[in-house]
C-alpha cells in the first residue's frame, strides 16, 4: 500500500476584534460546498513559513490580513479528505495543518469577494457553537485545537 501524502497547510482561528471581551470566531461557508463552514486555511508554498502563509491566505480568502497573532498550536495536525475531495486534491490524502489563533484588528474590513472567491458567506459565532456548524470531517481536529486554546486560557 502506498504511503499517504499530506499537503502542508496553515489554518487560522480568527477572533472578532472585540476579543477578549467577546469570544467569537470567524467561520466561512465554502462556495463549492453549501453548508460546509470552516476556518480560513490554505496550502503553504515552497519556501514559505507557516506565518507567511497565514498572512497570504487571509488576504486571498477574506480580503484582509490585518490580524494580531495571539497563539500557535504546538504540533501539526493531520486529517484525511473525504473520498470525493481526495480525487480533486490528488496526490494528497489529506492535509497536515499548523493552527494559529489570531485577533482581527479593529480597522480590518473582511471582503470574501476576492480574486478567486473560496467562500460565499461568513459570520462570527460564539466559540461554543462551532461544532454545530463546521463540516463533519474537520470536527475532530477543530475540537482538539479549541480544547487546547481553552486549556491555555485563550478562549
N, C-alpha and C. Protein backbone atom coordinates (compact mmCIF):
# COMPACT_ATOMS: atom_id res chain seq x y z
N UNK A 1 0.84 -1.19 0.00
CA UNK A 1 0.00 0.00 0.00
C UNK A 1 0.88 1.25 0.00
N UNK A 2 0.47 2.23 -0.79
CA UNK A 2 1.27 3.46 -0.87
C UNK A 2 1.12 4.30 0.40
N UNK A 3 2.18 5.02 0.70
CA UNK A 3 2.17 5.88 1.88
C UNK A 3 1.28 7.09 1.62
N UNK A 4 0.50 7.47 2.63
CA UNK A 4 -0.37 8.64 2.49
C UNK A 4 0.48 9.91 2.47
N UNK A 5 0.14 10.80 1.57
CA UNK A 5 0.85 12.06 1.44
C UNK A 5 -0.07 13.19 1.89
N UNK A 6 0.44 14.05 2.78
CA UNK A 6 -0.36 15.15 3.31
C UNK A 6 0.17 16.50 2.85
N UNK A 7 -0.73 17.35 2.44
CA UNK A 7 -0.39 18.69 1.97
C UNK A 7 -0.12 19.60 3.16
N UNK A 8 1.04 20.30 3.20
CA UNK A 8 1.30 21.24 4.29
C UNK A 8 0.35 22.44 4.17
N UNK A 9 -0.23 22.80 5.29
CA UNK A 9 -1.33 23.75 5.28
C UNK A 9 -1.31 24.57 6.57
N UNK A 10 -1.85 25.76 6.50
CA UNK A 10 -2.00 26.61 7.67
C UNK A 10 -3.49 26.88 7.86
N UNK A 11 -3.94 26.92 9.11
CA UNK A 11 -5.34 27.23 9.41
C UNK A 11 -5.35 28.32 10.48
N UNK A 12 -6.30 29.25 10.35
CA UNK A 12 -6.32 30.39 11.25
C UNK A 12 -7.69 30.51 11.92
N UNK A 13 -7.68 30.49 13.24
CA UNK A 13 -8.89 30.79 14.01
C UNK A 13 -8.86 32.29 14.22
N UNK A 14 -9.75 32.99 13.50
CA UNK A 14 -9.78 34.45 13.55
C UNK A 14 -10.83 34.88 14.58
N UNK A 15 -10.35 35.53 15.61
CA UNK A 15 -11.23 36.06 16.65
C UNK A 15 -11.74 37.44 16.25
N UNK A 16 -12.95 37.76 16.68
CA UNK A 16 -13.52 39.08 16.42
C UNK A 16 -12.66 40.17 17.06
N UNK A 17 -12.70 41.38 16.53
CA UNK A 17 -11.91 42.48 17.12
C UNK A 17 -12.28 42.76 18.57
N UNK A 18 -13.46 42.33 19.01
CA UNK A 18 -13.92 42.56 20.37
C UNK A 18 -13.31 41.60 21.39
N UNK A 19 -12.53 40.62 20.91
CA UNK A 19 -11.83 39.70 21.81
C UNK A 19 -10.87 40.52 22.68
N UNK A 20 -10.72 40.25 23.96
CA UNK A 20 -11.16 39.11 24.76
C UNK A 20 -12.52 39.30 25.44
N UNK A 21 -13.15 40.44 25.20
CA UNK A 21 -14.43 40.71 25.87
C UNK A 21 -15.57 39.87 25.30
N UNK A 22 -15.45 39.50 24.05
CA UNK A 22 -16.46 38.71 23.36
C UNK A 22 -15.71 37.65 22.57
N UNK A 23 -15.92 36.39 22.90
CA UNK A 23 -15.13 35.31 22.30
C UNK A 23 -15.85 34.70 21.10
N UNK A 24 -15.82 35.44 19.98
CA UNK A 24 -16.45 34.96 18.75
C UNK A 24 -15.38 34.68 17.71
N UNK A 25 -15.60 33.60 16.94
CA UNK A 25 -14.65 33.19 15.91
C UNK A 25 -15.30 33.28 14.53
N UNK A 26 -14.45 33.53 13.55
CA UNK A 26 -14.91 33.63 12.16
C UNK A 26 -15.02 32.24 11.55
N UNK A 27 -16.16 31.96 10.96
CA UNK A 27 -16.32 30.78 10.12
C UNK A 27 -16.86 31.24 8.78
N UNK A 28 -16.44 30.56 7.73
CA UNK A 28 -16.87 30.93 6.39
C UNK A 28 -17.40 29.69 5.67
N UNK A 29 -18.40 29.92 4.83
CA UNK A 29 -19.01 28.82 4.08
C UNK A 29 -18.31 28.68 2.72
N UNK A 30 -17.85 27.49 2.45
CA UNK A 30 -17.18 27.23 1.16
C UNK A 30 -18.16 27.49 0.01
N UNK A 31 -17.68 28.14 -1.02
CA UNK A 31 -18.55 28.43 -2.16
C UNK A 31 -18.83 27.18 -2.99
N UNK A 32 -17.96 26.16 -2.90
CA UNK A 32 -18.15 24.94 -3.68
C UNK A 32 -18.92 23.85 -2.94
N UNK A 33 -19.13 24.03 -1.64
CA UNK A 33 -19.86 23.02 -0.86
C UNK A 33 -20.80 23.75 0.10
N UNK A 34 -22.07 23.85 -0.26
CA UNK A 34 -23.04 24.54 0.59
C UNK A 34 -23.15 23.83 1.94
N UNK A 35 -23.16 24.63 2.99
CA UNK A 35 -23.28 24.08 4.33
C UNK A 35 -21.96 23.67 4.95
N UNK A 36 -20.84 23.80 4.20
CA UNK A 36 -19.52 23.45 4.73
C UNK A 36 -18.85 24.71 5.27
N UNK A 37 -18.91 24.87 6.58
CA UNK A 37 -18.32 26.03 7.25
C UNK A 37 -16.97 25.64 7.83
N UNK A 38 -16.02 26.56 7.76
CA UNK A 38 -14.68 26.26 8.23
C UNK A 38 -13.93 27.55 8.56
N UNK A 39 -12.72 27.36 9.11
CA UNK A 39 -11.80 28.47 9.34
C UNK A 39 -11.07 28.78 8.03
N UNK A 40 -10.59 29.99 7.86
CA UNK A 40 -9.70 30.25 6.72
C UNK A 40 -8.47 29.34 6.83
N UNK A 41 -8.02 28.85 5.69
CA UNK A 41 -6.88 27.93 5.67
C UNK A 41 -6.34 27.87 4.25
N UNK A 42 -5.15 27.33 4.11
CA UNK A 42 -4.61 27.15 2.77
C UNK A 42 -3.23 26.55 2.78
N UNK A 43 -2.80 26.13 1.62
CA UNK A 43 -1.52 25.48 1.46
C UNK A 43 -0.34 26.40 1.72
N UNK A 44 0.73 25.79 2.17
CA UNK A 44 1.98 26.51 2.39
C UNK A 44 2.84 26.30 1.15
N UNK A 45 3.22 27.39 0.50
CA UNK A 45 4.03 27.31 -0.72
C UNK A 45 5.47 26.95 -0.37
N UNK A 46 6.18 26.41 -1.35
CA UNK A 46 7.60 26.08 -1.18
C UNK A 46 8.36 27.33 -0.75
N UNK A 47 9.20 27.19 0.27
CA UNK A 47 10.00 28.30 0.75
C UNK A 47 9.26 29.29 1.65
N UNK A 48 8.00 29.02 1.91
CA UNK A 48 7.17 29.92 2.72
C UNK A 48 7.08 29.38 4.15
N UNK A 49 7.14 30.26 5.14
CA UNK A 49 6.94 29.83 6.52
C UNK A 49 5.45 29.74 6.79
N UNK A 50 5.04 28.99 7.83
CA UNK A 50 3.62 28.96 8.16
C UNK A 50 3.05 30.37 8.44
N UNK A 51 3.81 31.22 9.11
CA UNK A 51 3.32 32.58 9.37
C UNK A 51 3.16 33.40 8.09
N UNK A 52 4.09 33.25 7.16
CA UNK A 52 3.95 33.93 5.86
C UNK A 52 2.69 33.44 5.15
N UNK A 53 2.47 32.13 5.18
CA UNK A 53 1.29 31.54 4.54
C UNK A 53 0.01 32.05 5.21
N UNK A 54 0.04 32.20 6.52
CA UNK A 54 -1.12 32.71 7.27
C UNK A 54 -1.56 34.07 6.71
N UNK A 55 -0.62 34.99 6.60
CA UNK A 55 -0.96 36.33 6.12
C UNK A 55 -1.40 36.33 4.65
N UNK A 56 -0.74 35.53 3.82
CA UNK A 56 -1.12 35.44 2.41
C UNK A 56 -2.50 34.83 2.25
N UNK A 57 -2.75 33.72 2.95
CA UNK A 57 -4.05 33.05 2.83
C UNK A 57 -5.20 33.93 3.33
N UNK A 58 -5.00 34.64 4.42
CA UNK A 58 -6.07 35.53 4.90
C UNK A 58 -6.39 36.58 3.84
N UNK A 59 -5.37 37.17 3.25
CA UNK A 59 -5.59 38.18 2.20
C UNK A 59 -6.35 37.56 1.03
N UNK A 60 -5.96 36.34 0.62
CA UNK A 60 -6.60 35.68 -0.52
C UNK A 60 -8.03 35.23 -0.22
N UNK A 61 -8.30 34.82 1.01
CA UNK A 61 -9.60 34.23 1.33
C UNK A 61 -10.61 35.20 1.94
N UNK A 62 -10.15 36.11 2.80
CA UNK A 62 -11.11 37.02 3.44
C UNK A 62 -10.82 38.49 3.14
N UNK A 63 -9.86 38.74 2.24
CA UNK A 63 -9.62 40.09 1.78
C UNK A 63 -8.85 40.99 2.73
N UNK A 64 -8.37 40.46 3.83
CA UNK A 64 -7.56 41.24 4.76
C UNK A 64 -6.62 40.32 5.52
N UNK A 65 -5.46 40.84 5.84
CA UNK A 65 -4.53 40.09 6.69
C UNK A 65 -4.18 40.92 7.92
N UNK A 66 -5.06 41.85 8.26
CA UNK A 66 -4.85 42.70 9.43
C UNK A 66 -5.27 41.94 10.68
N UNK A 67 -4.35 41.13 11.18
CA UNK A 67 -4.59 40.34 12.38
C UNK A 67 -3.37 40.43 13.29
N UNK A 68 -3.63 40.15 14.55
CA UNK A 68 -2.57 40.05 15.55
C UNK A 68 -2.54 38.58 15.98
N UNK A 69 -1.40 37.91 15.78
CA UNK A 69 -1.29 36.51 16.18
C UNK A 69 -1.19 36.45 17.70
N UNK A 70 -2.06 35.65 18.29
CA UNK A 70 -2.12 35.50 19.75
C UNK A 70 -1.41 34.24 20.21
N UNK A 71 -1.59 33.14 19.47
CA UNK A 71 -1.01 31.87 19.88
C UNK A 71 -0.91 30.94 18.68
N UNK A 72 -0.12 29.89 18.88
CA UNK A 72 0.11 28.88 17.86
C UNK A 72 -0.06 27.51 18.51
N UNK A 73 -0.77 26.61 17.83
CA UNK A 73 -0.91 25.25 18.33
C UNK A 73 0.47 24.58 18.23
N UNK A 74 0.91 23.87 19.26
CA UNK A 74 2.30 23.38 19.30
C UNK A 74 2.66 22.30 18.27
N UNK A 75 1.71 21.51 17.82
CA UNK A 75 2.01 20.44 16.87
C UNK A 75 1.29 20.68 15.55
N UNK A 76 1.72 19.91 14.56
CA UNK A 76 1.00 19.84 13.29
C UNK A 76 -0.09 18.79 13.46
N UNK A 77 -1.27 19.05 12.92
CA UNK A 77 -2.39 18.11 12.99
C UNK A 77 -2.80 17.72 11.57
N UNK A 78 -3.10 16.44 11.40
CA UNK A 78 -3.46 15.96 10.06
C UNK A 78 -4.88 15.41 10.04
N UNK A 79 -5.48 15.52 8.87
CA UNK A 79 -6.78 14.87 8.65
C UNK A 79 -6.84 14.39 7.22
N UNK A 80 -7.67 13.37 6.98
CA UNK A 80 -7.87 12.83 5.64
C UNK A 80 -9.04 13.54 4.98
N UNK A 81 -8.92 13.75 3.67
CA UNK A 81 -10.03 14.30 2.90
C UNK A 81 -11.13 13.25 2.77
N UNK A 82 -12.38 13.67 2.65
CA UNK A 82 -13.42 12.70 2.29
C UNK A 82 -13.13 12.19 0.87
N UNK A 83 -13.68 11.05 0.54
CA UNK A 83 -13.39 10.40 -0.74
C UNK A 83 -13.57 11.33 -1.94
N UNK A 84 -14.66 12.09 -2.00
CA UNK A 84 -14.91 12.96 -3.16
C UNK A 84 -13.86 14.07 -3.30
N UNK A 85 -13.33 14.56 -2.20
CA UNK A 85 -12.32 15.63 -2.24
C UNK A 85 -10.93 15.07 -2.55
N UNK A 86 -10.70 13.83 -2.20
CA UNK A 86 -9.38 13.22 -2.41
C UNK A 86 -9.02 13.19 -3.89
N UNK A 87 -10.00 12.92 -4.74
CA UNK A 87 -9.75 12.89 -6.18
C UNK A 87 -9.32 14.26 -6.67
N UNK A 88 -9.99 15.29 -6.21
CA UNK A 88 -9.70 16.67 -6.61
C UNK A 88 -8.33 17.14 -6.08
N UNK A 89 -7.93 16.64 -4.92
CA UNK A 89 -6.70 17.10 -4.27
C UNK A 89 -5.51 16.15 -4.48
N UNK A 90 -5.68 15.16 -5.36
CA UNK A 90 -4.58 14.22 -5.64
C UNK A 90 -3.31 15.00 -5.96
N UNK A 91 -2.16 14.51 -5.50
CA UNK A 91 -1.85 13.20 -4.92
C UNK A 91 -2.02 13.16 -3.40
N UNK A 92 -2.62 14.19 -2.82
CA UNK A 92 -2.72 14.25 -1.36
C UNK A 92 -3.93 13.48 -0.84
N UNK A 93 -3.71 12.81 0.30
CA UNK A 93 -4.78 12.10 1.00
C UNK A 93 -5.48 13.01 2.00
N UNK A 94 -4.79 14.08 2.37
CA UNK A 94 -5.34 14.99 3.36
C UNK A 94 -4.38 16.14 3.57
N UNK A 95 -4.51 16.77 4.71
CA UNK A 95 -3.69 17.93 4.99
C UNK A 95 -3.05 17.79 6.37
N UNK A 96 -1.85 18.32 6.49
CA UNK A 96 -1.16 18.45 7.76
C UNK A 96 -1.13 19.94 8.04
N UNK A 97 -1.79 20.33 9.13
CA UNK A 97 -2.02 21.76 9.38
C UNK A 97 -1.32 22.29 10.61
N UNK A 98 -0.90 23.55 10.50
CA UNK A 98 -0.38 24.32 11.62
C UNK A 98 -1.48 25.34 11.94
N UNK A 99 -1.97 25.32 13.17
CA UNK A 99 -3.06 26.20 13.58
C UNK A 99 -2.56 27.41 14.33
N UNK A 100 -3.18 28.54 14.04
CA UNK A 100 -2.89 29.79 14.72
C UNK A 100 -4.18 30.39 15.25
N UNK A 101 -4.06 31.11 16.35
CA UNK A 101 -5.16 31.87 16.92
C UNK A 101 -4.78 33.33 16.72
N UNK A 102 -5.66 34.10 16.07
CA UNK A 102 -5.36 35.49 15.76
C UNK A 102 -6.59 36.36 15.97
N UNK A 103 -6.36 37.60 16.37
CA UNK A 103 -7.45 38.56 16.56
C UNK A 103 -7.47 39.52 15.38
N UNK A 104 -8.65 39.69 14.80
CA UNK A 104 -8.84 40.64 13.71
C UNK A 104 -8.68 42.05 14.28
N UNK A 105 -7.89 42.87 13.62
CA UNK A 105 -7.70 44.25 14.07
C UNK A 105 -8.97 45.05 13.82
N UNK A 106 -9.20 46.03 14.67
CA UNK A 106 -10.44 46.81 14.61
C UNK A 106 -10.69 47.52 13.29
N UNK A 107 -9.62 47.91 12.58
CA UNK A 107 -9.80 48.63 11.32
C UNK A 107 -9.84 47.70 10.10
N UNK A 108 -9.78 46.40 10.32
CA UNK A 108 -9.81 45.44 9.21
C UNK A 108 -11.21 45.36 8.60
N UNK A 109 -11.25 45.18 7.31
CA UNK A 109 -12.52 45.02 6.59
C UNK A 109 -12.49 43.68 5.86
N UNK A 110 -13.40 42.79 6.24
CA UNK A 110 -13.49 41.48 5.58
C UNK A 110 -14.22 41.65 4.26
N UNK A 111 -13.65 41.04 3.21
CA UNK A 111 -14.26 41.05 1.88
C UNK A 111 -13.99 39.70 1.24
N UNK A 112 -15.00 38.83 1.24
CA UNK A 112 -14.83 37.48 0.70
C UNK A 112 -14.95 37.45 -0.82
N UNK A 113 -15.27 38.59 -1.43
CA UNK A 113 -15.34 38.67 -2.89
C UNK A 113 -13.95 38.97 -3.44
N UNK A 114 -13.06 37.98 -3.29
CA UNK A 114 -11.65 38.12 -3.66
C UNK A 114 -11.45 37.69 -5.13
N UNK A 115 -10.21 37.70 -5.60
CA UNK A 115 -9.91 37.30 -6.99
C UNK A 115 -10.45 35.92 -7.32
N UNK A 116 -10.20 34.97 -6.42
CA UNK A 116 -10.71 33.60 -6.57
C UNK A 116 -11.51 33.27 -5.32
N UNK A 117 -12.77 33.70 -5.26
CA UNK A 117 -13.55 33.50 -4.02
C UNK A 117 -13.67 32.03 -3.64
N UNK A 118 -13.29 31.74 -2.39
CA UNK A 118 -13.43 30.38 -1.86
C UNK A 118 -14.66 30.27 -0.97
N UNK A 119 -15.14 31.42 -0.51
CA UNK A 119 -16.28 31.46 0.41
C UNK A 119 -17.39 32.32 -0.18
N UNK A 120 -18.64 31.96 0.16
CA UNK A 120 -19.75 32.81 -0.28
C UNK A 120 -20.52 33.42 0.89
N UNK A 121 -20.09 33.11 2.10
CA UNK A 121 -20.71 33.71 3.28
C UNK A 121 -19.74 33.55 4.45
N UNK A 122 -19.90 34.42 5.43
CA UNK A 122 -19.09 34.29 6.65
C UNK A 122 -19.88 34.88 7.81
N UNK A 123 -19.48 34.50 9.01
CA UNK A 123 -20.11 35.03 10.21
C UNK A 123 -19.17 34.81 11.39
N UNK A 124 -19.39 35.59 12.43
CA UNK A 124 -18.69 35.37 13.69
C UNK A 124 -19.68 34.69 14.62
N UNK A 125 -19.24 33.58 15.22
CA UNK A 125 -20.10 32.83 16.13
C UNK A 125 -19.37 32.62 17.44
N UNK A 126 -20.13 32.36 18.48
CA UNK A 126 -19.54 32.03 19.77
C UNK A 126 -18.76 30.73 19.61
N UNK A 127 -17.58 30.69 20.20
CA UNK A 127 -16.71 29.51 20.06
C UNK A 127 -17.42 28.23 20.49
N UNK A 128 -18.36 28.32 21.42
CA UNK A 128 -19.07 27.13 21.89
C UNK A 128 -20.11 26.62 20.89
N UNK A 129 -20.42 27.40 19.86
CA UNK A 129 -21.37 26.98 18.81
C UNK A 129 -20.66 26.33 17.62
N UNK A 130 -19.35 26.37 17.63
CA UNK A 130 -18.54 25.96 16.49
C UNK A 130 -18.87 24.56 15.97
N UNK A 131 -18.93 23.59 16.85
CA UNK A 131 -19.10 22.20 16.40
C UNK A 131 -20.46 21.95 15.75
N UNK A 132 -21.41 22.83 15.98
CA UNK A 132 -22.72 22.67 15.34
C UNK A 132 -22.69 23.06 13.87
N UNK A 133 -21.72 23.88 13.45
CA UNK A 133 -21.74 24.38 12.07
C UNK A 133 -20.61 23.88 11.19
N UNK A 134 -19.48 23.43 11.76
CA UNK A 134 -18.35 23.08 10.91
C UNK A 134 -18.58 21.77 10.16
N UNK A 135 -17.90 21.66 9.03
CA UNK A 135 -18.02 20.47 8.21
C UNK A 135 -17.53 19.23 8.96
N UNK A 136 -18.19 18.11 8.74
CA UNK A 136 -18.01 16.89 9.54
C UNK A 136 -16.58 16.39 9.63
N UNK A 137 -15.83 16.40 8.52
CA UNK A 137 -14.51 15.76 8.55
C UNK A 137 -13.45 16.62 9.23
N UNK A 138 -13.80 17.84 9.65
CA UNK A 138 -12.84 18.69 10.36
C UNK A 138 -13.13 18.77 11.85
N UNK A 139 -14.22 18.18 12.29
CA UNK A 139 -14.65 18.33 13.69
C UNK A 139 -13.62 17.80 14.70
N UNK A 140 -13.00 16.67 14.41
CA UNK A 140 -12.05 16.09 15.37
C UNK A 140 -10.85 17.03 15.58
N UNK A 141 -10.28 17.53 14.49
CA UNK A 141 -9.13 18.44 14.59
C UNK A 141 -9.56 19.75 15.25
N UNK A 142 -10.70 20.30 14.84
CA UNK A 142 -11.18 21.57 15.42
C UNK A 142 -11.39 21.41 16.93
N UNK A 143 -11.97 20.30 17.35
CA UNK A 143 -12.20 20.05 18.78
C UNK A 143 -10.89 20.05 19.56
N UNK A 144 -9.89 19.39 19.01
CA UNK A 144 -8.59 19.29 19.66
C UNK A 144 -7.94 20.67 19.81
N UNK A 145 -8.00 21.47 18.77
CA UNK A 145 -7.39 22.80 18.78
C UNK A 145 -8.12 23.74 19.74
N UNK A 146 -9.44 23.74 19.68
CA UNK A 146 -10.23 24.61 20.56
C UNK A 146 -10.01 24.21 22.02
N UNK A 147 -9.99 22.91 22.30
CA UNK A 147 -9.75 22.44 23.67
C UNK A 147 -8.39 22.94 24.17
N UNK A 148 -7.37 22.85 23.35
CA UNK A 148 -6.04 23.31 23.72
C UNK A 148 -6.05 24.81 24.05
N UNK A 149 -6.62 25.60 23.18
CA UNK A 149 -6.63 27.05 23.41
C UNK A 149 -7.48 27.44 24.61
N UNK A 150 -8.51 26.65 24.90
CA UNK A 150 -9.31 26.90 26.12
C UNK A 150 -8.47 26.56 27.36
N UNK A 151 -7.79 25.41 27.31
CA UNK A 151 -6.97 25.00 28.45
C UNK A 151 -5.85 25.99 28.74
N UNK A 152 -5.34 26.64 27.70
CA UNK A 152 -4.26 27.63 27.86
C UNK A 152 -4.81 29.00 28.26
N UNK A 153 -6.15 29.13 28.33
CA UNK A 153 -6.75 30.37 28.79
C UNK A 153 -7.00 31.42 27.72
N UNK A 154 -6.84 31.04 26.45
CA UNK A 154 -7.07 32.00 25.37
C UNK A 154 -8.54 32.12 24.99
N UNK A 155 -9.29 31.02 25.17
CA UNK A 155 -10.70 31.01 24.79
C UNK A 155 -11.58 30.74 26.00
